[in-house]
């Protein structure tokens, strides 16, 4: 690129310099801007820099000016992302265990580039990249893209569903028969992504683990099940369905030890009503998808929780525990 052609990029270079070299605690002088431009083959005079900074402000950038001795420091007064927001994005990316270590580091590097050089040093924290799948990351990301495209096109999808056998070999459920599903929402729960869709065969809303969906294709058939989906309260739905495995939804009354108040609020939110049972216990009435996952959550709380009603769920839980004890007799 010739020197004259680079001159046309002068504003973009100044914009980039401000983004990388300034933040709340760091500013640059006009002299430093001129030196940076010179290193990149662009000549500039002090007066032209003032004009360029005004042009960037006309464009919408907020540029703060502060005096330090005889120098004026220039810094961006507002950025696309605050450092705390970039840290949040990095931590969120680290929580997705289906992203393999290589792809996670690539993603974190992209997030880091949104910060100034000084902020990047603070942002470049060690994110846990262990205990991650090595071969499913791209498949999951591609599947998410397919599902988003289908939702945007109001189209149904087909796919095969995977189970893993005791030899860690992949097997297709229903002998590889295609599932026909209308996608309506994506849900992230318990470190996994799920598709919430309307199954064309059962005529009901079901959940599917995206990392176990294979051979996804967008079908010509338009989506079905809009009314069934619109009847669902998403906030209630995600708190009811434990680990996204569906069971029969029932109203269950539970008794908890007072020490488990935090656990109950974490699971069901602050809106759940606590009713005092005695000095040591309180009861709550919740809608729960009664499944083995629900019983597993209760078992993890030990004798600090008791199912009071309905009696049928109480008996099912008792039977569930007795079946587990058989292996230890």
C-alpha atoms as a PDB file:
ATOM      1  CA  UNK A   1       0.000   0.000   0.000  1.00  0.00           C
ATOM      2  CA  UNK A   2       1.428   3.392  -1.002  1.00  0.00           C
ATOM      3  CA  UNK A   3       1.983   6.179   1.530  1.00  0.00           C
ATOM      4  CA  UNK A   4      -0.777   8.310  -0.020  1.00  0.00           C
ATOM      5  CA  UNK A   5      -3.248   5.446   0.260  1.00  0.00           C
ATOM      6  CA  UNK A   6      -2.329   4.960   3.934  1.00  0.00           C
ATOM      7  CA  UNK A   7      -3.088   8.629   4.581  1.00  0.00           C
ATOM      8  CA  UNK A   8      -6.721   7.844   3.768  1.00  0.00           C
ATOM      9  CA  UNK A   9      -6.766   5.461   6.741  1.00  0.00           C
ATOM     10  CA  UNK A  10      -5.491   8.062   9.189  1.00  0.00           C
ATOM     11  CA  UNK A  11      -8.760   8.425  11.123  1.00  0.00           C
ATOM     12  CA  UNK A  12      -9.091   4.668  11.490  1.00  0.00           C
ATOM     13  CA  UNK A  13      -5.560   4.399  12.869  1.00  0.00           C
ATOM     14  CA  UNK A  14      -6.250   7.140  15.415  1.00  0.00           C
ATOM     15  CA  UNK A  15      -9.506   5.438  16.421  1.00  0.00           C
ATOM     16  CA  UNK A  16      -7.695   2.138  16.916  1.00  0.00           C
ATOM     17  CA  UNK A  17      -4.888   3.802  18.893  1.00  0.00           C
ATOM     18  CA  UNK A  18      -7.378   5.378  21.283  1.00  0.00           C
ATOM     19  CA  UNK A  19      -9.195   2.056  21.720  1.00  0.00           C
ATOM     20  CA  UNK A  20      -6.005   0.126  22.522  1.00  0.00           C
ATOM     21  CA  UNK A  21      -4.001   2.695  24.468  1.00  0.00           C
ATOM     22  CA  UNK A  22      -6.601   4.553  26.518  1.00  0.00           C
ATOM     23  CA  UNK A  23      -9.069   3.689  29.259  1.00  0.00           C
ATOM     24  CA  UNK A  24     -10.271   5.235  32.520  1.00  0.00           C
ATOM     25  CA  UNK A  25      -6.745   5.255  33.927  1.00  0.00           C
ATOM     26  CA  UNK A  26      -4.643   5.909  30.817  1.00  0.00           C
ATOM     27  CA  UNK A  27      -4.561   8.690  28.242  1.00  0.00           C
ATOM     28  CA  UNK A  28      -2.343   9.625  25.281  1.00  0.00           C
ATOM     29  CA  UNK A  29      -0.874  12.890  24.081  1.00  0.00           C
ATOM     30  CA  UNK A  30      -1.030  14.351  20.596  1.00  0.00           C
ATOM     31  CA  UNK A  31       2.713  13.703  20.343  1.00  0.00           C
ATOM     32  CA  UNK A  32       2.144   9.991  21.037  1.00  0.00           C
ATOM     33  CA  UNK A  33      -0.599   9.855  18.406  1.00  0.00           C
ATOM     34  CA  UNK A  34       1.757  11.454  15.847  1.00  0.00           C
ATOM     35  CA  UNK A  35       4.534   8.969  16.731  1.00  0.00           C
ATOM     36  CA  UNK A  36       2.119   6.036  16.360  1.00  0.00           C
ATOM     37  CA  UNK A  37       0.967   7.272  12.955  1.00  0.00           C
ATOM     38  CA  UNK A  38       4.565   7.771  11.839  1.00  0.00           C
ATOM     39  CA  UNK A  39       5.432   4.160  12.764  1.00  0.00           C
ATOM     40  CA  UNK A  40       2.583   3.091  10.490  1.00  0.00           C
ATOM     41  CA  UNK A  41       3.764   5.216   7.560  1.00  0.00           C
ATOM     42  CA  UNK A  42       1.331   8.095   8.048  1.00  0.00           C
ATOM     43  CA  UNK A  43       2.574  11.655   8.394  1.00  0.00           C
ATOM     44  CA  UNK A  44       0.627  14.132  10.522  1.00  0.00           C
ATOM     45  CA  UNK A  45       0.914  17.565  12.058  1.00  0.00           C
ATOM     46  CA  UNK A  46      -0.343  18.584  15.473  1.00  0.00           C
ATOM     47  CA  UNK A  47      -3.066  20.841  14.029  1.00  0.00           C
ATOM     48  CA  UNK A  48      -4.435  18.035  11.838  1.00  0.00           C
ATOM     49  CA  UNK A  49      -4.695  15.718  14.883  1.00  0.00           C
ATOM     50  CA  UNK A  50      -6.962  18.230  16.646  1.00  0.00           C
ATOM     51  CA  UNK A  51      -9.170  18.263  13.563  1.00  0.00           C
ATOM     52  CA  UNK A  52      -9.167  14.456  13.393  1.00  0.00           C
ATOM     53  CA  UNK A  53     -10.197  14.142  17.032  1.00  0.00           C
ATOM     54  CA  UNK A  54     -13.101  16.508  16.415  1.00  0.00           C
ATOM     55  CA  UNK A  55     -14.121  14.400  13.393  1.00  0.00           C
ATOM     56  CA  UNK A  56     -14.156  11.282  15.556  1.00  0.00           C
ATOM     57  CA  UNK A  57     -16.355  13.101  18.068  1.00  0.00           C
ATOM     58  CA  UNK A  58     -18.706  14.103  15.257  1.00  0.00           C
ATOM     59  CA  UNK A  59     -18.786  10.407  14.340  1.00  0.00           C
ATOM     60  CA  UNK A  60     -20.027   9.638  17.881  1.00  0.00           C
ATOM     61  CA  UNK A  61     -16.932   8.807  19.896  1.00  0.00           C
ATOM     62  CA  UNK A  62     -16.679  10.385  23.335  1.00  0.00           C
ATOM     63  CA  UNK A  63     -13.156  11.723  23.884  1.00  0.00           C
ATOM     64  CA  UNK A  64     -12.229  13.136  27.279  1.00  0.00           C
ATOM     65  CA  UNK A  65      -9.447  15.707  27.732  1.00  0.00           C
ATOM     66  CA  UNK A  66      -7.493  16.188  30.973  1.00  0.00           C
ATOM     67  CA  UNK A  67      -4.520  18.389  31.769  1.00  0.00           C
ATOM     68  CA  UNK A  68      -1.391  16.868  33.298  1.00  0.00           C
ATOM     69  CA  UNK A  69       1.220  19.582  33.678  1.00  0.00           C
ATOM     70  CA  UNK A  70       1.729  21.166  30.279  1.00  0.00           C
ATOM     71  CA  UNK A  71       0.346  18.163  28.400  1.00  0.00           C
ATOM     72  CA  UNK A  72      -3.242  17.378  27.460  1.00  0.00           C
ATOM     73  CA  UNK A  73      -4.193  13.721  27.706  1.00  0.00           C
ATOM     74  CA  UNK A  74      -6.896  12.257  25.479  1.00  0.00           C
ATOM     75  CA  UNK A  75      -8.837   9.138  26.353  1.00  0.00           C
ATOM     76  CA  UNK A  76     -12.040   7.437  25.279  1.00  0.00           C
ATOM     77  CA  UNK A  77     -14.769   8.421  27.713  1.00  0.00           C
ATOM     78  CA  UNK A  78     -17.021   5.530  26.773  1.00  0.00           C
ATOM     79  CA  UNK A  79     -16.295   2.152  25.208  1.00  0.00           C
ATOM     80  CA  UNK A  80     -18.421  -0.569  23.706  1.00  0.00           C
ATOM     81  CA  UNK A  81     -17.668  -2.781  26.730  1.00  0.00           C
ATOM     82  CA  UNK A  82     -16.567  -1.999  30.275  1.00  0.00           C
ATOM     83  CA  UNK A  83     -13.808  -4.175  31.739  1.00  0.00           C
ATOM     84  CA  UNK A  84     -16.298  -5.781  34.147  1.00  0.00           C
ATOM     85  CA  UNK A  85     -18.511  -6.725  31.163  1.00  0.00           C
ATOM     86  CA  UNK A  86     -15.565  -8.284  29.330  1.00  0.00           C
ATOM     87  CA  UNK A  87     -14.667 -10.269  32.452  1.00  0.00           C
ATOM     88  CA  UNK A  88     -18.255 -11.471  32.604  1.00  0.00           C
ATOM     89  CA  UNK A  89     -18.104 -12.591  28.952  1.00  0.00           C
ATOM     90  CA  UNK A  90     -14.821 -14.422  29.591  1.00  0.00           C
ATOM     91  CA  UNK A  91     -16.181 -16.203  32.641  1.00  0.00           C
ATOM     92  CA  UNK A  92     -19.378 -17.109  30.792  1.00  0.00           C
ATOM     93  CA  UNK A  93     -17.379 -18.578  27.911  1.00  0.00           C
ATOM     94  CA  UNK A  94     -15.339 -20.576  30.411  1.00  0.00           C
ATOM     95  CA  UNK A  95     -18.540 -22.066  31.829  1.00  0.00           C
ATOM     96  CA  UNK A  96     -19.420 -23.700  28.497  1.00  0.00           C
ATOM     97  CA  UNK A  97     -17.704 -27.058  28.946  1.00  0.00           C
ATOM     98  CA  UNK A  98     -18.685 -28.220  25.474  1.00  0.00           C
ATOM     99  CA  UNK A  99     -16.152 -25.720  24.071  1.00  0.00           C
ATOM    100  CA  UNK A 100     -12.819 -27.500  23.758  1.00  0.00           C
ATOM    101  CA  UNK A 101      -9.621 -25.864  25.127  1.00  0.00           C
ATOM    102  CA  UNK A 102      -8.344 -24.696  21.718  1.00  0.00           C
ATOM    103  CA  UNK A 103     -11.609 -23.030  20.710  1.00  0.00           C
ATOM    104  CA  UNK A 104     -12.037 -21.525  24.168  1.00  0.00           C
ATOM    105  CA  UNK A 105      -8.624 -19.860  24.028  1.00  0.00           C
ATOM    106  CA  UNK A 106      -9.447 -18.496  20.571  1.00  0.00           C
ATOM    107  CA  UNK A 107     -12.724 -17.084  21.861  1.00  0.00           C
ATOM    108  CA  UNK A 108     -11.068 -15.545  24.933  1.00  0.00           C
ATOM    109  CA  UNK A 109      -8.450 -13.903  22.711  1.00  0.00           C
ATOM    110  CA  UNK A 110     -11.237 -12.288  20.682  1.00  0.00           C
ATOM    111  CA  UNK A 111     -12.823 -10.961  23.864  1.00  0.00           C
ATOM    112  CA  UNK A 112      -9.431  -9.624  24.990  1.00  0.00           C
ATOM    113  CA  UNK A 113      -9.062  -7.647  21.755  1.00  0.00           C
ATOM    114  CA  UNK A 114     -12.124  -5.623  22.776  1.00  0.00           C
ATOM    115  CA  UNK A 115     -10.165  -4.172  25.693  1.00  0.00           C
ATOM    116  CA  UNK A 116      -7.330  -1.669  25.873  1.00  0.00           C
ATOM    117  CA  UNK A 117      -3.814  -3.084  26.155  1.00  0.00           C
ATOM    118  CA  UNK A 118      -3.785  -2.278  29.873  1.00  0.00           C
ATOM    119  CA  UNK A 119      -7.193  -3.825  30.505  1.00  0.00           C
ATOM    120  CA  UNK A 120      -6.189  -6.896  28.476  1.00  0.00           C
ATOM    121  CA  UNK A 121      -3.440  -7.636  30.993  1.00  0.00           C
ATOM    122  CA  UNK A 122      -6.025  -7.699  33.772  1.00  0.00           C
ATOM    123  CA  UNK A 123      -8.507  -9.595  31.618  1.00  0.00           C
ATOM    124  CA  UNK A 124      -6.040 -12.302  30.670  1.00  0.00           C
ATOM    125  CA  UNK A 125      -6.904 -14.452  33.668  1.00  0.00           C
ATOM    126  CA  UNK A 126      -6.596 -18.211  33.770  1.00  0.00           C
ATOM    127  CA  UNK A 127      -9.963 -19.737  32.865  1.00  0.00           C
ATOM    128  CA  UNK A 128     -10.404 -23.410  33.696  1.00  0.00           C
ATOM    129  CA  UNK A 129     -10.142 -25.363  30.449  1.00  0.00           C
ATOM    130  CA  UNK A 130      -9.999 -28.879  31.911  1.00  0.00           C
ATOM    131  CA  UNK A 131     -12.696 -31.556  31.788  1.00  0.00           C
ATOM    132  CA  UNK A 132     -13.818 -30.517  28.314  1.00  0.00           C
ATOM    133  CA  UNK A 133     -14.849 -32.511  25.283  1.00  0.00           C
ATOM    134  CA  UNK A 134     -12.157 -32.534  22.618  1.00  0.00           C
ATOM    135  CA  UNK A 135     -14.305 -33.330  19.617  1.00  0.00           C
ATOM    136  CA  UNK A 136     -17.817 -31.990  20.208  1.00  0.00           C
ATOM    137  CA  UNK A 137     -17.195 -28.248  20.351  1.00  0.00           C
ATOM    138  CA  UNK A 138     -17.528 -27.533  16.626  1.00  0.00           C
ATOM    139  CA  UNK A 139     -20.475 -29.924  16.302  1.00  0.00           C
ATOM    140  CA  UNK A 140     -22.392 -28.150  19.062  1.00  0.00           C
ATOM    141  CA  UNK A 141     -21.634 -24.684  17.678  1.00  0.00           C
ATOM    142  CA  UNK A 142     -22.641 -25.772  14.167  1.00  0.00           C
ATOM    143  CA  UNK A 143     -25.836 -27.326  15.513  1.00  0.00           C
ATOM    144  CA  UNK A 144     -26.700 -24.092  17.312  1.00  0.00           C
ATOM    145  CA  UNK A 145     -26.195 -22.186  14.027  1.00  0.00           C
ATOM    146  CA  UNK A 146     -28.492 -24.620  12.198  1.00  0.00           C
ATOM    147  CA  UNK A 147     -31.188 -24.277  14.860  1.00  0.00           C
ATOM    148  CA  UNK A 148     -31.016 -20.461  14.854  1.00  0.00           C
ATOM    149  CA  UNK A 149     -31.312 -20.469  11.067  1.00  0.00           C
ATOM    150  CA  UNK A 150     -34.344 -22.766  11.236  1.00  0.00           C
ATOM    151  CA  UNK A 151     -36.018 -20.530  13.833  1.00  0.00           C
ATOM    152  CA  UNK A 152     -35.361 -17.440  11.707  1.00  0.00           C
ATOM    153  CA  UNK A 153     -36.798 -19.208   8.634  1.00  0.00           C
ATOM    154  CA  UNK A 154     -39.778 -20.591  10.613  1.00  0.00           C
ATOM    155  CA  UNK A 155     -38.747 -24.083   9.501  1.00  0.00           C
ATOM    156  CA  UNK A 156     -38.774 -27.447  11.243  1.00  0.00           C
ATOM    157  CA  UNK A 157     -35.670 -29.615  11.450  1.00  0.00           C
ATOM    158  CA  UNK A 158     -34.782 -33.291  11.294  1.00  0.00           C
ATOM    159  CA  UNK A 159     -31.992 -35.019  13.189  1.00  0.00           C
ATOM    160  CA  UNK A 160     -30.816 -38.290  14.658  1.00  0.00           C
ATOM    161  CA  UNK A 161     -30.446 -38.636  18.416  1.00  0.00           C
ATOM    162  CA  UNK A 162     -27.395 -40.216  20.016  1.00  0.00           C
ATOM    163  CA  UNK A 163     -27.065 -42.507  23.015  1.00  0.00           C
ATOM    164  CA  UNK A 164     -23.745 -43.790  24.397  1.00  0.00           C
ATOM    165  CA  UNK A 165     -23.364 -47.443  25.319  1.00  0.00           C
ATOM    166  CA  UNK A 166     -21.181 -49.015  28.007  1.00  0.00           C
ATOM    167  CA  UNK A 167     -18.316 -49.274  25.522  1.00  0.00           C
ATOM    168  CA  UNK A 168     -18.473 -45.505  24.987  1.00  0.00           C
ATOM    169  CA  UNK A 169     -19.660 -46.145  21.441  1.00  0.00           C
ATOM    170  CA  UNK A 170     -22.222 -43.962  19.752  1.00  0.00           C
ATOM    171  CA  UNK A 171     -25.614 -45.510  19.075  1.00  0.00           C
ATOM    172  CA  UNK A 172     -28.587 -43.902  17.380  1.00  0.00           C
ATOM    173  CA  UNK A 173     -31.854 -43.953  19.270  1.00  0.00           C
ATOM    174  CA  UNK A 174     -34.793 -45.672  17.519  1.00  0.00           C
ATOM    175  CA  UNK A 175     -32.342 -47.388  15.145  1.00  0.00           C
ATOM    176  CA  UNK A 176     -31.367 -44.091  13.558  1.00  0.00           C
ATOM    177  CA  UNK A 177     -34.896 -42.934  12.731  1.00  0.00           C
ATOM    178  CA  UNK A 178     -35.145 -39.227  12.001  1.00  0.00           C
ATOM    179  CA  UNK A 179     -36.703 -36.969  14.618  1.00  0.00           C
ATOM    180  CA  UNK A 180     -38.972 -34.273  13.163  1.00  0.00           C
ATOM    181  CA  UNK A 181     -39.090 -31.284  15.478  1.00  0.00           C
ATOM    182  CA  UNK A 182     -40.091 -27.632  15.295  1.00  0.00           C
ATOM    183  CA  UNK A 183     -37.438 -25.596  17.169  1.00  0.00           C
ATOM    184  CA  UNK A 184     -38.756 -22.845  19.431  1.00  0.00           C
ATOM    185  CA  UNK A 185     -36.040 -21.993  21.946  1.00  0.00           C
ATOM    186  CA  UNK A 186     -32.504 -22.775  23.094  1.00  0.00           C
ATOM    187  CA  UNK A 187     -31.928 -23.202  26.828  1.00  0.00           C
ATOM    188  CA  UNK A 188     -28.628 -23.363  28.699  1.00  0.00           C
ATOM    189  CA  UNK A 189     -28.940 -25.397  31.889  1.00  0.00           C
ATOM    190  CA  UNK A 190     -26.470 -27.264  34.095  1.00  0.00           C
ATOM    191  CA  UNK A 191     -23.563 -26.526  31.684  1.00  0.00           C
ATOM    192  CA  UNK A 192     -25.455 -27.984  28.715  1.00  0.00           C
ATOM    193  CA  UNK A 193     -27.427 -26.592  25.782  1.00  0.00           C
ATOM    194  CA  UNK A 194     -30.917 -27.895  25.073  1.00  0.00           C
ATOM    195  CA  UNK A 195     -33.320 -27.440  22.200  1.00  0.00           C
ATOM    196  CA  UNK A 196     -36.880 -26.835  23.305  1.00  0.00           C
ATOM    197  CA  UNK A 197     -39.023 -28.018  20.400  1.00  0.00           C
ATOM    198  CA  UNK A 198     -42.375 -29.377  19.350  1.00  0.00           C
ATOM    199  CA  UNK A 199     -42.128 -33.056  18.460  1.00  0.00           C
ATOM    200  CA  UNK A 200     -44.217 -33.798  15.372  1.00  0.00           C
ATOM    201  CA  UNK A 201     -44.898 -37.404  16.401  1.00  0.00           C
ATOM    202  CA  UNK A 202     -45.866 -36.983  20.060  1.00  0.00           C
ATOM    203  CA  UNK A 203     -47.493 -33.576  19.424  1.00  0.00           C
ATOM    204  CA  UNK A 204     -45.918 -32.061  22.539  1.00  0.00           C
ATOM    205  CA  UNK A 205     -43.065 -29.821  23.644  1.00  0.00           C
ATOM    206  CA  UNK A 206     -39.903 -31.765  24.445  1.00  0.00           C
ATOM    207  CA  UNK A 207     -36.247 -31.036  25.237  1.00  0.00           C
ATOM    208  CA  UNK A 208     -33.213 -32.397  23.387  1.00  0.00           C
ATOM    209  CA  UNK A 209     -29.534 -32.225  24.337  1.00  0.00           C
ATOM    210  CA  UNK A 210     -27.844 -30.401  21.469  1.00  0.00           C
ATOM    211  CA  UNK A 211     -24.545 -32.265  21.925  1.00  0.00           C
ATOM    212  CA  UNK A 212     -26.483 -35.500  21.281  1.00  0.00           C
ATOM    213  CA  UNK A 213     -28.198 -34.311  18.117  1.00  0.00           C
ATOM    214  CA  UNK A 214     -26.586 -35.511  14.888  1.00  0.00           C
ATOM    215  CA  UNK A 215     -27.159 -35.029  11.138  1.00  0.00           C
ATOM    216  CA  UNK A 216     -29.297 -31.909  11.621  1.00  0.00           C
ATOM    217  CA  UNK A 217     -31.079 -30.675   8.505  1.00  0.00           C
ATOM    218  CA  UNK A 218     -33.496 -27.821   7.930  1.00  0.00           C
ATOM    219  CA  UNK A 219     -36.723 -29.213   6.487  1.00  0.00           C
ATOM    220  CA  UNK A 220     -39.086 -27.567   4.016  1.00  0.00           C
ATOM    221  CA  UNK A 221     -41.953 -28.103   6.433  1.00  0.00           C
ATOM    222  CA  UNK A 222     -42.896 -25.014   8.438  1.00  0.00           C
ATOM    223  CA  UNK A 223     -42.814 -25.050  12.230  1.00  0.00           C
ATOM    224  CA  UNK A 224     -45.667 -26.526  14.224  1.00  0.00           C
ATOM    225  CA  UNK A 225     -46.690 -26.164  17.870  1.00  0.00           C
ATOM    226  CA  UNK A 226     -46.799 -22.374  18.171  1.00  0.00           C
ATOM    227  CA  UNK A 227     -49.850 -22.468  20.482  1.00  0.00           C
ATOM    228  CA  UNK A 228     -48.265 -25.110  22.710  1.00  0.00           C
ATOM    229  CA  UNK A 229     -45.089 -23.041  22.996  1.00  0.00           C
ATOM    230  CA  UNK A 230     -46.870 -19.742  23.657  1.00  0.00           C
ATOM    231  CA  UNK A 231     -48.769 -21.299  26.576  1.00  0.00           C
ATOM    232  CA  UNK A 232     -45.479 -21.928  28.383  1.00  0.00           C
ATOM    233  CA  UNK A 233     -44.158 -19.522  31.014  1.00  0.00           C
ATOM    234  CA  UNK A 234     -40.412 -19.810  30.319  1.00  0.00           C
ATOM    235  CA  UNK A 235     -39.325 -18.654  33.789  1.00  0.00           C
ATOM    236  CA  UNK A 236     -41.573 -21.238  35.431  1.00  0.00           C
ATOM    237  CA  UNK A 237     -40.707 -23.913  32.875  1.00  0.00           C
ATOM    238  CA  UNK A 238     -36.955 -23.717  33.407  1.00  0.00           C
ATOM    239  CA  UNK A 239     -37.356 -23.839  37.192  1.00  0.00           C
ATOM    240  CA  UNK A 240     -39.757 -26.784  36.998  1.00  0.00           C
ATOM    241  CA  UNK A 241     -37.837 -29.071  34.655  1.00  0.00           C
ATOM    242  CA  UNK A 242     -34.851 -30.440  36.520  1.00  0.00           C
ATOM    243  CA  UNK A 243     -31.832 -30.876  34.233  1.00  0.00           C
ATOM    244  CA  UNK A 244     -34.260 -30.426  31.326  1.00  0.00           C
ATOM    245  CA  UNK A 245     -35.396 -34.049  31.487  1.00  0.00           C
ATOM    246  CA  UNK A 246     -39.168 -34.057  31.287  1.00  0.00           C
ATOM    247  CA  UNK A 247     -41.421 -35.867  33.699  1.00  0.00           C
ATOM    248  CA  UNK A 248     -45.021 -35.348  34.684  1.00  0.00           C
ATOM    249  CA  UNK A 249     -45.425 -31.841  36.120  1.00  0.00           C
ATOM    250  CA  UNK A 250     -47.148 -31.847  39.493  1.00  0.00           C
ATOM    251  CA  UNK A 251     -47.651 -29.477  42.417  1.00  0.00           C
ATOM    252  CA  UNK A 252     -45.482 -30.827  45.218  1.00  0.00           C
ATOM    253  CA  UNK A 253     -45.437 -29.629  48.844  1.00  0.00           C
ATOM    254  CA  UNK A 254     -42.026 -29.966  50.476  1.00  0.00           C
ATOM    255  CA  UNK A 255     -40.809 -29.448  54.026  1.00  0.00           C
ATOM    256  CA  UNK A 256     -37.293 -28.027  54.430  1.00  0.00           C
ATOM    257  CA  UNK A 257     -34.946 -27.517  57.314  1.00  0.00           C
ATOM    258  CA  UNK A 258     -34.439 -23.794  57.929  1.00  0.00           C
ATOM    259  CA  UNK A 259     -30.737 -24.155  57.072  1.00  0.00           C
ATOM    260  CA  UNK A 260     -31.713 -24.929  53.454  1.00  0.00           C
ATOM    261  CA  UNK A 261     -33.395 -21.580  52.772  1.00  0.00           C
ATOM    262  CA  UNK A 262     -30.535 -20.491  50.474  1.00  0.00           C
ATOM    263  CA  UNK A 263     -30.752 -23.754  48.528  1.00  0.00           C
ATOM    264  CA  UNK A 264     -34.492 -23.332  47.964  1.00  0.00           C
ATOM    265  CA  UNK A 265     -34.147 -19.710  46.837  1.00  0.00           C
ATOM    266  CA  UNK A 266     -31.275 -20.625  44.480  1.00  0.00           C
ATOM    267  CA  UNK A 267     -33.429 -23.330  42.899  1.00  0.00           C
ATOM    268  CA  UNK A 268     -36.852 -21.670  42.800  1.00  0.00           C
ATOM    269  CA  UNK A 269     -36.182 -17.937  43.156  1.00  0.00           C
ATOM    270  CA  UNK A 270     -37.170 -15.365  45.767  1.00  0.00           C
ATOM    271  CA  UNK A 271     -40.836 -15.374  44.744  1.00  0.00           C
ATOM    272  CA  UNK A 272     -41.443 -18.829  46.196  1.00  0.00           C
ATOM    273  CA  UNK A 273     -43.547 -18.609  49.379  1.00  0.00           C
ATOM    274  CA  UNK A 274     -42.115 -19.921  52.659  1.00  0.00           C
ATOM    275  CA  UNK A 275     -44.705 -21.103  55.192  1.00  0.00           C
ATOM    276  CA  UNK A 276     -43.481 -21.717  58.720  1.00  0.00           C
ATOM    277  CA  UNK A 277     -44.039 -25.326  59.788  1.00  0.00           C
ATOM    278  CA  UNK A 278     -42.327 -25.169  63.174  1.00  0.00           C
ATOM    279  CA  UNK A 279     -39.302 -23.428  64.682  1.00  0.00           C
ATOM    280  CA  UNK A 280     -36.916 -25.552  62.599  1.00  0.00           C
ATOM    281  CA  UNK A 281     -38.770 -26.092  59.321  1.00  0.00           C
ATOM    282  CA  UNK A 282     -40.723 -24.316  56.587  1.00  0.00           C
ATOM    283  CA  UNK A 283     -42.809 -25.635  53.708  1.00  0.00           C
ATOM    284  CA  UNK A 284     -43.041 -24.606  50.059  1.00  0.00           C
ATOM    285  CA  UNK A 285     -45.447 -25.558  47.297  1.00  0.00           C
ATOM    286  CA  UNK A 286     -43.770 -25.816  43.898  1.00  0.00           C
ATOM    287  CA  UNK A 287     -44.473 -27.184  40.449  1.00  0.00           C
ATOM    288  CA  UNK A 288     -41.920 -29.851  39.639  1.00  0.00           C
ATOM    289  CA  UNK A 289     -41.242 -32.210  36.789  1.00  0.00           C
ATOM    290  CA  UNK A 290     -41.370 -35.425  38.812  1.00  0.00           C
ATOM    291  CA  UNK A 291     -38.501 -37.489  37.449  1.00  0.00           C
ATOM    292  CA  UNK A 292     -35.390 -39.313  38.625  1.00  0.00           C
ATOM    293  CA  UNK A 293     -33.482 -36.034  38.280  1.00  0.00           C
ATOM    294  CA  UNK A 294     -35.920 -34.381  40.700  1.00  0.00           C
ATOM    295  CA  UNK A 295     -35.580 -37.260  43.150  1.00  0.00           C
ATOM    296  CA  UNK A 296     -31.786 -37.076  42.785  1.00  0.00           C
ATOM    297  CA  UNK A 297     -31.851 -33.404  43.772  1.00  0.00           C
ATOM    298  CA  UNK A 298     -33.966 -34.215  46.829  1.00  0.00           C
ATOM    299  CA  UNK A 299     -31.656 -37.073  47.813  1.00  0.00           C
ATOM    300  CA  UNK A 300     -28.692 -34.720  47.676  1.00  0.00           C
ATOM    301  CA  UNK A 301     -30.325 -32.680  50.478  1.00  0.00           C
ATOM    302  CA  UNK A 302     -30.541 -35.738  52.721  1.00  0.00           C
ATOM    303  CA  UNK A 303     -32.964 -35.630  55.641  1.00  0.00           C
ATOM    304  CA  UNK A 304     -33.223 -31.850  55.364  1.00  0.00           C
ATOM    305  CA  UNK A 305     -36.158 -32.195  52.982  1.00  0.00           C
ATOM    306  CA  UNK A 306     -39.368 -34.246  53.055  1.00  0.00           C
ATOM    307  CA  UNK A 307     -42.157 -34.654  50.501  1.00  0.00           C
ATOM    308  CA  UNK A 308     -45.445 -33.932  52.262  1.00  0.00           C
ATOM    309  CA  UNK A 309     -47.808 -34.272  49.305  1.00  0.00           C
ATOM    310  CA  UNK A 310     -49.133 -35.589  47.043  1.00  0.00           C
ATOM    311  CA  UNK A 311     -48.979 -39.029  48.578  1.00  0.00           C
ATOM    312  CA  UNK A 312     -48.342 -40.643  45.185  1.00  0.00           C
ATOM    313  CA  UNK A 313     -45.108 -38.637  44.700  1.00  0.00           C
ATOM    314  CA  UNK A 314     -44.087 -39.356  48.300  1.00  0.00           C
ATOM    315  CA  UNK A 315     -44.486 -43.097  47.660  1.00  0.00           C
ATOM    316  CA  UNK A 316     -42.601 -42.888  44.340  1.00  0.00           C
ATOM    317  CA  UNK A 317     -39.687 -41.191  46.077  1.00  0.00           C
ATOM    318  CA  UNK A 318     -39.704 -43.810  48.836  1.00  0.00           C
ATOM    319  CA  UNK A 319     -39.626 -46.566  46.195  1.00  0.00           C
ATOM    320  CA  UNK A 320     -36.819 -44.724  44.374  1.00  0.00           C
ATOM    321  CA  UNK A 321     -34.689 -44.720  47.533  1.00  0.00           C
ATOM    322  CA  UNK A 322     -35.496 -48.373  48.323  1.00  0.00           C
ATOM    323  CA  UNK A 323     -34.387 -49.416  44.822  1.00  0.00           C
ATOM    324  CA  UNK A 324     -31.058 -47.661  45.371  1.00  0.00           C
ATOM    325  CA  UNK A 325     -30.575 -49.374  48.750  1.00  0.00           C
ATOM    326  CA  UNK A 326     -30.993 -52.818  47.135  1.00  0.00           C
ATOM    327  CA  UNK A 327     -27.509 -52.522  45.657  1.00  0.00           C
ATOM    328  CA  UNK A 328     -26.002 -51.989  49.121  1.00  0.00           C
ATOM    329  CA  UNK A 329     -27.648 -54.878  50.960  1.00  0.00           C
END
